[in-house]
Amino acid sequence: DIFVAAISQGVDICIEDRAAENIRRHVPDWYVKAIAAHGLVLFPVSVKKRVVAMIYADADSPDRLRYAPEELNLLRTLRNQAVLAIMHQA
């Protein structure tokens, strides 16, 4: 399950086409039934090695989620700023 992997392993996941054969089995049924998106990104937000939130985005068109490495770095920066803000409030 892509959500469990993102949370338990703390990894960023970017899927352009969730219907792709090698991806389809990792996308939970509840997500497929609830969300019509073709692609998605997951960026777990971890504080003190615990995931406390997740940045999620999806798109109807697979090509909308093709990010250049610089764009992925900007998304990671956004996540890191969220972590700093959460830690500042604690």
C-alpha atoms as a PDB file:
ATOM      1  CA  ASP A   1       0.000   0.000   0.000  1.00  0.00           C
ATOM      2  CA  ILE A   2       1.534   3.313  -1.084  1.00  0.00           C
ATOM      3  CA  PHE A   3       0.172   5.184   1.930  1.00  0.00           C
ATOM      4  CA  VAL A   4       1.579   2.692   4.424  1.00  0.00           C
ATOM      5  CA  ALA A   5       4.930   2.778   2.623  1.00  0.00           C
ATOM      6  CA  ALA A   6       5.055   6.577   2.700  1.00  0.00           C
ATOM      7  CA  ILE A   7       4.245   6.661   6.407  1.00  0.00           C
ATOM      8  CA  SER A   8       6.193   3.657   7.701  1.00  0.00           C
ATOM      9  CA  GLN A   9       9.291   4.259   5.596  1.00  0.00           C
ATOM     10  CA  GLY A  10       9.088   8.060   5.530  1.00  0.00           C
ATOM     11  CA  VAL A  11       9.541   8.103   1.758  1.00  0.00           C
ATOM     12  CA  ASP A  12       8.233  10.563  -0.806  1.00  0.00           C
ATOM     13  CA  ILE A  13       6.077   8.932  -3.463  1.00  0.00           C
ATOM     14  CA  CYS A  14       5.253  10.354  -6.876  1.00  0.00           C
ATOM     15  CA  ILE A  15       2.975   8.292  -9.098  1.00  0.00           C
ATOM     16  CA  GLU A  16       2.192   9.577 -12.578  1.00  0.00           C
ATOM     17  CA  ASP A  17      -0.297   6.822 -13.471  1.00  0.00           C
ATOM     18  CA  ARG A  18      -1.885   4.806 -10.683  1.00  0.00           C
ATOM     19  CA  ALA A  19      -3.370   2.409 -13.255  1.00  0.00           C
ATOM     20  CA  ALA A  20       0.072   1.305 -14.458  1.00  0.00           C
ATOM     21  CA  GLU A  21       0.499  -2.438 -14.059  1.00  0.00           C
ATOM     22  CA  ASN A  22       3.444  -2.198 -11.655  1.00  0.00           C
ATOM     23  CA  ILE A  23       1.642   0.406  -9.490  1.00  0.00           C
ATOM     24  CA  ARG A  24      -2.009  -0.708  -9.515  1.00  0.00           C
ATOM     25  CA  ARG A  25      -1.592  -3.462  -6.904  1.00  0.00           C
ATOM     26  CA  HIS A  26      -0.051  -0.999  -4.425  1.00  0.00           C
ATOM     27  CA  VAL A  27      -2.964   1.465  -4.526  1.00  0.00           C
ATOM     28  CA  PRO A  28      -5.653   0.546  -1.968  1.00  0.00           C
ATOM     29  CA  ASP A  29      -9.201  -0.125  -3.144  1.00  0.00           C
ATOM     30  CA  TRP A  30     -10.653   2.568  -0.876  1.00  0.00           C
ATOM     31  CA  TYR A  31      -8.551   5.158  -2.685  1.00  0.00           C
ATOM     32  CA  VAL A  32      -9.508   3.931  -6.167  1.00  0.00           C
ATOM     33  CA  LYS A  33     -13.222   4.016  -5.223  1.00  0.00           C
ATOM     34  CA  ALA A  34     -13.061   7.456  -3.586  1.00  0.00           C
ATOM     35  CA  ILE A  35     -10.661   9.392  -5.811  1.00  0.00           C
ATOM     36  CA  ALA A  36     -10.781   9.550  -9.607  1.00  0.00           C
ATOM     37  CA  ALA A  37      -7.259  10.954  -9.955  1.00  0.00           C
ATOM     38  CA  HIS A  38      -4.787   9.262 -12.286  1.00  0.00           C
ATOM     39  CA  GLY A  39      -1.656  10.421 -10.475  1.00  0.00           C
ATOM     40  CA  LEU A  40      -0.676  11.485  -6.982  1.00  0.00           C
ATOM     41  CA  VAL A  41       2.197  12.601  -4.802  1.00  0.00           C
ATOM     42  CA  LEU A  42       2.720  11.892  -1.113  1.00  0.00           C
ATOM     43  CA  PHE A  43       5.235  13.711   1.054  1.00  0.00           C
ATOM     44  CA  PRO A  44       5.163  12.569   4.694  1.00  0.00           C
ATOM     45  CA  VAL A  45       5.790  15.252   7.288  1.00  0.00           C
ATOM     46  CA  SER A  46       7.882  13.747  10.093  1.00  0.00           C
ATOM     47  CA  VAL A  47       8.694  15.318  13.429  1.00  0.00           C
ATOM     48  CA  LYS A  48      11.054  13.468  15.747  1.00  0.00           C
ATOM     49  CA  LYS A  49      10.886  10.391  13.473  1.00  0.00           C
ATOM     50  CA  ARG A  50       7.066  10.263  13.627  1.00  0.00           C
ATOM     51  CA  VAL A  51       4.820  11.090  10.693  1.00  0.00           C
ATOM     52  CA  VAL A  52       2.374  13.760  11.876  1.00  0.00           C
ATOM     53  CA  ALA A  53       0.960  14.851   8.518  1.00  0.00           C
ATOM     54  CA  MET A  54       1.203  14.262   4.810  1.00  0.00           C
ATOM     55  CA  ILE A  55       1.336  16.623   1.863  1.00  0.00           C
ATOM     56  CA  TYR A  56      -0.901  15.144  -0.809  1.00  0.00           C
ATOM     57  CA  ALA A  57      -1.659  16.250  -4.335  1.00  0.00           C
ATOM     58  CA  ASP A  58      -3.380  14.518  -7.218  1.00  0.00           C
ATOM     59  CA  ALA A  59      -4.147  15.146 -10.852  1.00  0.00           C
ATOM     60  CA  ASP A  60      -6.601  13.856 -13.428  1.00  0.00           C
ATOM     61  CA  SER A  61      -3.942  13.740 -16.132  1.00  0.00           C
ATOM     62  CA  PRO A  62      -0.767  11.680 -15.621  1.00  0.00           C
ATOM     63  CA  ASP A  63       1.430  14.261 -17.342  1.00  0.00           C
ATOM     64  CA  ARG A  64       0.438  16.918 -14.779  1.00  0.00           C
ATOM     65  CA  LEU A  65       2.559  15.158 -12.159  1.00  0.00           C
ATOM     66  CA  ARG A  66       5.779  14.923 -14.114  1.00  0.00           C
ATOM     67  CA  TYR A  67       8.053  17.015 -11.954  1.00  0.00           C
ATOM     68  CA  ALA A  68      11.541  18.130 -12.817  1.00  0.00           C
ATOM     69  CA  PRO A  69      14.108  17.385 -10.087  1.00  0.00           C
ATOM     70  CA  GLU A  70      14.152  21.088  -9.151  1.00  0.00           C
ATOM     71  CA  GLU A  71      10.370  21.053  -8.669  1.00  0.00           C
ATOM     72  CA  LEU A  72      10.567  17.976  -6.451  1.00  0.00           C
ATOM     73  CA  ASN A  73      13.207  19.762  -4.389  1.00  0.00           C
ATOM     74  CA  LEU A  74      10.825  22.707  -3.981  1.00  0.00           C
ATOM     75  CA  LEU A  75       8.106  20.345  -2.724  1.00  0.00           C
ATOM     76  CA  ARG A  76      10.585  18.866  -0.269  1.00  0.00           C
ATOM     77  CA  THR A  77      11.486  22.372   0.859  1.00  0.00           C
ATOM     78  CA  LEU A  78       7.784  23.057   1.467  1.00  0.00           C
ATOM     79  CA  ARG A  79       7.586  19.913   3.566  1.00  0.00           C
ATOM     80  CA  ASN A  80      10.728  20.859   5.499  1.00  0.00           C
ATOM     81  CA  GLN A  81       9.287  24.299   6.213  1.00  0.00           C
ATOM     82  CA  ALA A  82       6.130  22.628   7.548  1.00  0.00           C
ATOM     83  CA  VAL A  83       8.302  20.485   9.838  1.00  0.00           C
ATOM     84  CA  LEU A  84      10.093  23.573  11.154  1.00  0.00           C
ATOM     85  CA  ALA A  85       6.785  25.344  11.771  1.00  0.00           C
ATOM     86  CA  ILE A  86       5.375  22.351  13.655  1.00  0.00           C
ATOM     87  CA  MET A  87       8.532  22.013  15.753  1.00  0.00           C
ATOM     88  CA  HIS A  88       8.441  25.728  16.539  1.00  0.00           C
ATOM     89  CA  GLN A  89       4.892  25.388  17.901  1.00  0.00           C
ATOM     90  CA  ALA A  90       5.743  22.386  20.086  1.00  0.00           C
END
